[in-house]
Protein backbone atom coordinates (compact mmCIF):
# COMPACT_ATOMS: atom_id res chain seq x y z
CA MET A 1 5.43 165.64 22.99
CA ASN A 2 4.93 167.19 19.55
CA VAL A 3 7.09 167.15 16.43
CA ILE A 4 8.82 170.44 17.29
CA GLU A 5 9.86 169.22 20.73
CA LEU A 6 10.97 165.81 19.43
CA THR A 7 13.06 167.42 16.68
CA ALA A 8 14.63 169.82 19.19
CA ILE A 9 15.57 167.01 21.58
CA ILE A 10 17.11 164.88 18.82
CA SER A 11 19.02 167.81 17.30
CA PHE A 12 20.23 168.99 20.69
CA ALA A 13 21.38 165.48 21.65
CA PHE A 14 23.23 164.78 18.40
CA LEU A 15 24.88 168.18 17.97
CA GLY A 16 25.62 168.53 21.67
CA SER A 17 27.20 165.09 21.85
CA ILE A 18 29.73 166.10 19.19
CA GLY A 19 30.49 169.49 20.64
CA HIS A 20 30.18 168.88 24.38
CA CYS A 21 30.01 165.18 25.30
CA ILE A 22 33.35 164.40 23.67
CA GLY A 23 35.02 166.84 26.03
CA MET A 24 33.06 165.71 29.10
CA CYS A 25 33.05 161.94 28.55
CA GLY A 26 35.95 161.44 26.14
CA GLY A 27 38.51 160.97 28.91
CA PHE A 28 36.22 158.51 30.69
CA ILE A 29 35.81 156.45 27.52
CA MET A 30 39.54 156.41 26.77
CA THR A 31 40.30 155.37 30.36
CA TYR A 32 38.06 152.30 30.40
CA THR A 33 39.00 151.43 26.82
CA MET A 34 42.72 151.31 27.57
CA ALA A 35 42.20 149.52 30.88
CA LYS A 36 39.52 146.97 30.01
CA VAL A 37 39.31 146.48 26.24
CA LYS A 38 42.02 144.15 24.97
CA PRO A 39 43.58 144.83 21.56
CA THR A 40 43.17 141.13 20.82
CA ASP A 41 39.40 141.32 21.21
CA SER A 42 37.51 141.24 17.94
CA LYS A 43 35.83 144.39 16.69
CA PHE A 44 32.49 142.75 17.37
CA VAL A 45 33.35 142.06 21.02
CA GLN A 46 34.72 145.59 21.44
CA SER A 47 31.50 146.95 19.94
CA LEU A 48 29.47 145.01 22.50
CA TYR A 49 31.56 146.51 25.32
CA HIS A 50 31.09 150.05 24.07
CA LEU A 51 27.40 149.49 23.37
CA SER A 52 26.94 148.13 26.90
CA TYR A 53 28.63 151.24 28.31
CA ASN A 54 26.37 153.54 26.29
CA LEU A 55 23.22 151.64 27.27
CA GLY A 56 24.30 152.07 30.90
CA ARG A 57 24.41 155.84 30.33
CA VAL A 58 20.99 155.85 28.72
CA THR A 59 19.58 153.79 31.61
CA THR A 60 20.75 156.37 34.14
CA TYR A 61 19.35 159.21 32.02
CA THR A 62 16.01 157.42 31.72
CA ILE A 63 15.74 156.82 35.47
CA LEU A 64 16.60 160.46 36.18
CA GLY A 65 14.04 161.54 33.58
CA ALA A 66 11.34 159.49 35.29
CA LEU A 67 12.23 161.02 38.67
CA PHE A 68 12.19 164.59 37.34
CA GLY A 69 8.98 163.95 35.39
CA TYR A 70 7.37 162.62 38.55
CA PHE A 71 8.61 165.64 40.49
CA GLY A 72 7.04 167.87 37.85
CA SER A 73 3.73 166.02 38.22
CA LEU A 74 3.58 166.98 41.89
CA TRP A 75 3.08 170.58 40.77
CA GLU A 76 0.43 169.74 38.17
CA ILE A 77 -2.26 171.83 39.85
CA ASN A 78 -3.58 174.27 37.28
CA PRO A 79 -2.53 176.07 34.10
CA LEU A 80 -1.02 178.92 36.13
CA VAL A 81 1.41 176.57 37.87
CA ARG A 82 2.27 174.96 34.53
CA SER A 83 2.83 178.42 33.10
CA ILE A 84 5.29 179.21 35.89
CA MET A 85 7.08 175.87 35.37
CA PHE A 86 7.36 176.41 31.60
CA SER A 87 8.59 179.97 32.15
CA LEU A 88 11.33 178.91 34.55
CA ALA A 89 12.30 175.99 32.31
CA GLY A 90 12.38 178.15 29.19
CA ILE A 91 14.47 180.87 30.84
CA LEU A 92 16.90 178.24 32.18
CA MET A 93 17.21 176.71 28.70
CA VAL A 94 17.99 180.08 27.14
CA VAL A 95 20.61 180.78 29.84
CA MET A 96 22.19 177.36 29.25
CA GLY A 97 22.15 177.93 25.51
CA LEU A 98 23.97 181.24 25.95
CA SER A 99 26.43 179.46 28.23
CA PHE A 100 27.08 176.81 25.57
CA ALA A 101 27.68 179.60 23.08
CA GLY A 102 30.30 181.11 25.39
CA LYS A 103 28.28 184.25 26.19
CA LEU A 104 27.85 183.32 29.86
CA LYS A 105 29.78 181.26 32.40
CA PHE A 106 26.71 179.70 33.96
CA LEU A 107 27.65 176.07 33.27
CA ASN A 108 31.06 176.43 34.88
CA SER A 109 29.36 177.04 38.22
CA ILE A 110 27.08 173.97 38.10
CA GLU A 111 29.23 171.30 36.41
CA ILE A 112 30.95 170.22 39.63
CA PRO A 113 33.10 167.07 39.10
CA ILE A 114 31.40 164.10 40.75
CA SER A 115 34.71 162.23 40.68
CA ASN A 116 35.75 164.28 43.73
CA TYR A 117 33.42 162.22 45.90
CA SER A 118 34.90 159.15 47.60
CA TRP A 119 31.87 156.91 46.99
CA PHE A 120 32.11 157.53 43.26
CA LYS A 121 35.85 156.81 43.21
CA LYS A 122 35.35 153.51 45.04
CA MET A 123 32.59 152.36 42.69
CA PHE A 124 34.53 153.49 39.64
CA MET A 125 37.76 151.72 40.63
CA TYR A 126 35.87 148.55 41.57
CA GLN A 127 34.23 148.38 38.14
CA MET A 128 37.48 149.29 36.38
CA ASN A 129 39.23 146.35 38.03
CA SER A 130 36.35 143.96 37.57
CA GLY A 131 36.64 141.25 34.95
CA ASN A 132 32.88 140.93 34.74
CA LYS A 133 31.45 141.92 31.36
CA SER A 134 28.59 143.73 33.08
CA SER A 135 31.11 146.23 34.47
CA PHE A 136 30.92 148.14 31.16
CA PHE A 137 27.20 148.69 31.71
CA VAL A 138 27.76 149.80 35.33
CA LEU A 139 30.53 152.19 34.21
CA GLY A 140 28.06 153.67 31.76
CA MET A 141 25.53 154.15 34.54
CA LEU A 142 28.18 155.92 36.63
CA ASN A 143 29.08 158.10 33.65
CA GLY A 144 25.41 159.05 33.41
CA LEU A 145 25.76 160.75 36.79
CA PHE A 146 28.45 163.14 35.54
CA PRO A 147 27.41 166.80 36.01
CA CYS A 148 26.64 167.96 32.47
CA GLY A 149 24.89 171.01 31.07
CA LEU A 150 23.27 168.98 28.30
CA VAL A 151 21.79 166.57 30.82
CA TYR A 152 20.61 169.42 33.06
CA THR A 153 18.82 171.02 30.14
CA MET A 154 17.01 167.80 29.24
CA LEU A 155 16.11 167.11 32.87
CA VAL A 156 14.40 170.50 32.97
CA THR A 157 12.49 169.44 29.87
CA ALA A 158 11.61 166.13 31.55
CA ALA A 159 10.22 167.99 34.56
CA THR A 160 7.94 170.11 32.36
CA THR A 161 6.27 166.96 30.99
CA SER A 162 4.69 166.48 34.45
CA SER A 163 4.83 162.73 33.85
CA ALA A 164 7.25 160.05 34.99
CA PHE A 165 6.66 158.15 31.73
CA TYR A 166 7.17 161.10 29.39
CA GLY A 167 10.05 162.40 31.50
CA ALA A 168 11.75 159.04 31.10
CA LEU A 169 10.93 159.09 27.37
CA VAL A 170 12.54 162.53 26.92
CA MET A 171 15.76 161.36 28.57
CA PHE A 172 15.70 158.02 26.74
CA ILE A 173 15.46 159.76 23.35
CA PHE A 174 18.16 162.22 24.39
CA GLY A 175 20.47 159.39 25.50
CA ILE A 176 19.89 157.28 22.40
CA PHE A 177 20.87 160.12 20.08
CA THR A 178 24.11 160.77 21.96
CA ILE A 179 25.22 157.17 21.36
CA PRO A 180 26.39 157.47 17.71
CA THR A 181 29.03 160.09 18.57
CA LEU A 182 30.39 158.47 21.73
CA PHE A 183 30.23 154.98 20.24
CA THR A 184 32.23 156.12 17.21
CA PHE A 185 34.61 158.11 19.41
CA ALA A 186 35.66 154.89 21.15
CA PHE A 187 37.02 153.63 17.82
CA VAL A 188 38.03 156.71 15.84
CA VAL A 189 39.19 159.54 18.11
CA SER A 190 40.72 161.56 15.29
CA LEU A 191 37.35 162.28 13.69
CA PHE A 192 36.39 164.48 16.62
CA SER A 193 39.75 166.04 17.44
CA GLY A 194 39.26 169.12 15.27
CA GLN A 195 38.57 172.09 17.54
CA LYS A 196 36.85 174.13 14.83
CA PHE A 197 34.44 171.30 14.03
CA ARG A 198 33.55 170.73 17.67
CA ALA A 199 33.16 174.48 18.24
CA LEU A 200 30.70 174.63 15.34
CA MET A 201 28.68 171.75 16.79
CA ILE A 202 28.55 173.48 20.17
CA GLN A 203 27.27 176.67 18.56
CA LEU A 204 24.58 174.76 16.68
CA ALA A 205 23.59 172.93 19.88
CA ALA A 206 23.44 176.27 21.71
CA LEU A 207 21.17 177.73 19.03
CA THR A 208 18.93 174.66 19.21
CA VAL A 209 18.47 174.86 22.98
CA ILE A 210 17.85 178.63 22.85
CA ILE A 211 15.11 178.14 20.25
CA PHE A 212 13.70 175.30 22.34
CA GLY A 213 13.77 177.59 25.38
CA ILE A 214 11.87 180.30 23.52
CA TRP A 215 9.33 177.70 22.40
CA THR A 216 8.92 176.60 26.05
CA ILE A 217 8.37 180.21 27.12
CA TYR A 218 5.71 180.50 24.41
CA LYS A 219 4.00 177.42 25.89
CA ALA A 220 4.10 179.21 29.24
CA TYR A 221 2.24 182.11 27.64
CA LEU A 222 -0.41 179.75 26.25
CA GLN A 223 -0.94 178.20 29.68
CA PHE A 224 -1.18 181.62 31.34
CA ASP A 225 -3.61 182.89 28.72
CA PHE A 226 -5.74 179.79 29.20
CA TRP A 227 -5.72 180.25 32.99
CA TYR A 228 -6.54 183.97 32.74
CA ASN A 229 -9.40 183.63 30.26
CA THR A 230 -11.05 180.39 31.36
CA ASP A 231 -13.34 179.38 34.22
CA LYS A 232 -11.64 177.31 36.93
CA ASP A 233 -13.96 174.34 36.44
CA VAL A 234 -13.11 174.20 32.74
CA GLN A 235 -9.37 174.36 33.47
CA LYS A 236 -9.53 170.87 34.93
CA VAL A 237 -10.03 169.55 31.40
CA GLU A 238 -6.91 169.13 29.27
CA PRO A 239 -6.67 172.33 27.14
CA THR A 240 -5.75 170.44 23.96
CA LYS A 241 -9.05 168.54 24.14
CA MET A 242 -11.11 171.71 23.86
CA LYS A 243 -12.39 173.39 20.75
CA CYS A 244 -11.14 176.84 21.59
CA GLY A 245 -7.66 175.80 22.70
CA PRO A 246 -5.58 177.30 25.52
CA ALA A 247 -4.74 180.57 23.82
CA MET A 248 -8.17 181.82 22.66
CA LYS A 249 -10.60 184.13 24.39
CA CYS A 250 -13.72 182.50 25.77
CA ALA A 251 -16.30 185.15 25.01
CA ALA A 252 -19.72 184.09 23.77
CA GLY A 253 -19.76 183.24 20.10
CA LYS A 254 -16.00 182.73 19.92
CA CYS A 255 -15.71 179.19 21.27
CA GLY A 256 -18.27 176.89 19.73
CA THR A 257 -21.51 177.25 21.66
CA GLY A 258 -20.20 180.22 23.61
CA LYS A 259 -18.97 178.19 26.58
CA CYS A 260 -15.23 177.66 26.51
CA GLY A 261 -14.33 174.06 26.90
CA SER A 262 -17.10 172.38 24.96
CA LYS A 263 -15.69 169.07 23.83
CA GLN A 264 -15.32 168.04 20.27
C-alpha cells in the first residue's frame, strides 16, 4: 500500500461517511441510542457506548477485509491475472463513483436491506433488549453487515491486495476513518442535517473513488505490460524488487545488464 492508495482510502472513508454513512447508518444509531442509552448516563459513559458500537463496525469490516484479501490471494498466479483483477476492480470503482455522484443507479440494485432477513431481525432485537454492555459492540458488528456501496468499494480494494493481512488493513483503516462522523452524529445530529453539505461530501467522495479507480486501472496496465514484456521465470519475482520495474521494456541494454529482473 503506497501513499496514494492510503490517502485515497482515508479521504474516501471520511468524506463518504459524512455524505453516505449518515443516511445509511443514522437511523440505526438513533434507534439504539434512544432505546439503550439513558439520558442520566454521563457523557463519558455514553461515549464508551458509542465507541464500542463503532469498534464493532470496524471489527466486522476488518474480518471481511481479511476474507476478501484471502480470496484475492487465491488468484495470485501471474501478472496477467493481477492485471485482470485490477482492471475489474478499477472499472467497478469508477462505476460506483459515478453512482455516488448520481450519474448511475448501480448502487440501488446492490444495496439490498439486510434487515429483511429473519436471522438479522432476531439478533438485532436480542441485542437491543439486552442489558449487557457488550451489546453495543455486537450491534456495531451487525451494522457492519449492512449492504453499503462504500463498503463494497473498499472490499474490492481489499481483494486486489491479494493478502488477508493487507485486506484486513485496508478495511481497518477505512473503518477507523468513518468513526469521527458517526461518533459525532450520535451526539450532535444537527451538524449533519444540511442536505447541501451532505450532497457536497458525497460528490467529493465520488470524485475520490473515481480517481482511485483510474489509478487501479493504471496499475492493471503496469501488470499487463510487465507480463507482456517479461520472461515467465522472471515474473515469479515481485516486480517492485527489480531494477527495470513492471512497466519498462526488457530489451538488452535497457534493464541493467540486459536481463530484465536483475536484482538490486
